[in-house]
């Protein structure tokens, strides 16, 4: 089944110049989640919003659903400016969100009951939706009797019964085991390709690149901090999308390439055009984002890559080999690149000379190399060390540094940044951390040298 390219007249939902900011605590300004977002969802297409953690993809989905308002800009749904909940959409969430005291059929009927649909019509439409997702015979079962995959099928049936113009899916397969997720993903794709899907379009939020290429006609790639549209990739494959098609792999590799190169221009072509724009100069060492990756994860990844010819591997194949989701793999890759242990080009990751040394040397030397690279490439760690050295007692409360991070990040992210900095700093033996007192200390030998 090959769909025709939608025209602009068929746009069901249009997002125009949308910004979204949230206030930082204590009135210290705002944290911008989304900036200048322009997106269209057309009739007859599946669109995937693909982005890393921090790209605001779920926030954007909720703005389009009318669950939260934009700070600026507007959403047009079915030709009208959206004000309040979007009646033209239904949503399938990552969590199953079923009411445990209701049966499968009663859970499916909830939305129709809220709309005031008559009892008999509710029953007819619910049974049809239950049959569509393959749960015929389980109408009277309660959620506790169902597996995870069956619970999510109820979630789909509850959305299908509304017969929305656009079905929103927020990472609907991520809470399932691999085999169940693959089975349900394939069944949803089959329904769409057969033309029996109960909505005109699908908008899916995901961080799974292969899932996006498999399901979608267009993949919109979001950048992070703040979330912004970097570009889109048209999945120019006949339906159903065949994973063995060389074009499928080329599209997956291309998206991996641009996802692992935040400064790369998203052209939609197989070859990546690197941006010539110089990186933005960081004014404060506490404004630098440290990838959330533990030293053990970085070291383990490098040890896997160093075993490959030329210490180089295709990122897509690497993710498949170690069965790691993209949101888990990319921060580790980012950390390795930040520390100078690896380079990412054209969808491949290759270790640098110092990265190969780090992956193959002794534990003691690996600590020395890690310390060296941290001091060269991570200004936050350098600033923390300098602050401790400037203190006569060689220590400082953790909340001092978290307050500095609060100036640039929401509090939860500030705490995560601090936790990652502590992990790296302890491994590099730059400082120690007492979690009971919540204080950072210079190690005793360094403190003794500092006092002299």
Foldseek 3Di string as FASTA:
>chain_A
DFDDDFDPVQFQKWWAQFWAWDAFPPRLGIFTAEGGATDTFGFQFEEEEAEAPQQCPVVVVCCQQQVDPTPDTFMAGRNHTDDHGDLQEDEQEQDLPADQVQFLLVRLLVVVVVVVHDPVLSNVLLQVLCVLLPNPPRRGPGPVVDDPLVSSSSSRSSRLSSLHQEYEYEQNLVVDDPVSSVVSLVSVLVCSVVVNRSYRYYYYYDNFLLSRLQRGQKYFYWARSHTYTLDMAGNPDGPRDDCPPPSSVLSSLQVLQCNLPVQWRPPNDSATHGDPDDDDDDPDLLQDFQQLDFPVRLLVLQLVQLPDVQSKDQQVVVCVVVVHGPNHPSSSVVNCVLLQQWDGDSRMIHGDPLVNCLNPDDLVVVLVSLLVSCCVRRVLLVVVLVVLLVDLQSKDAQVVQLVVNSSNDHSVSSVSRSVRSQSSCVSNLSWHADPVRRMIGRPPVVSVVSND
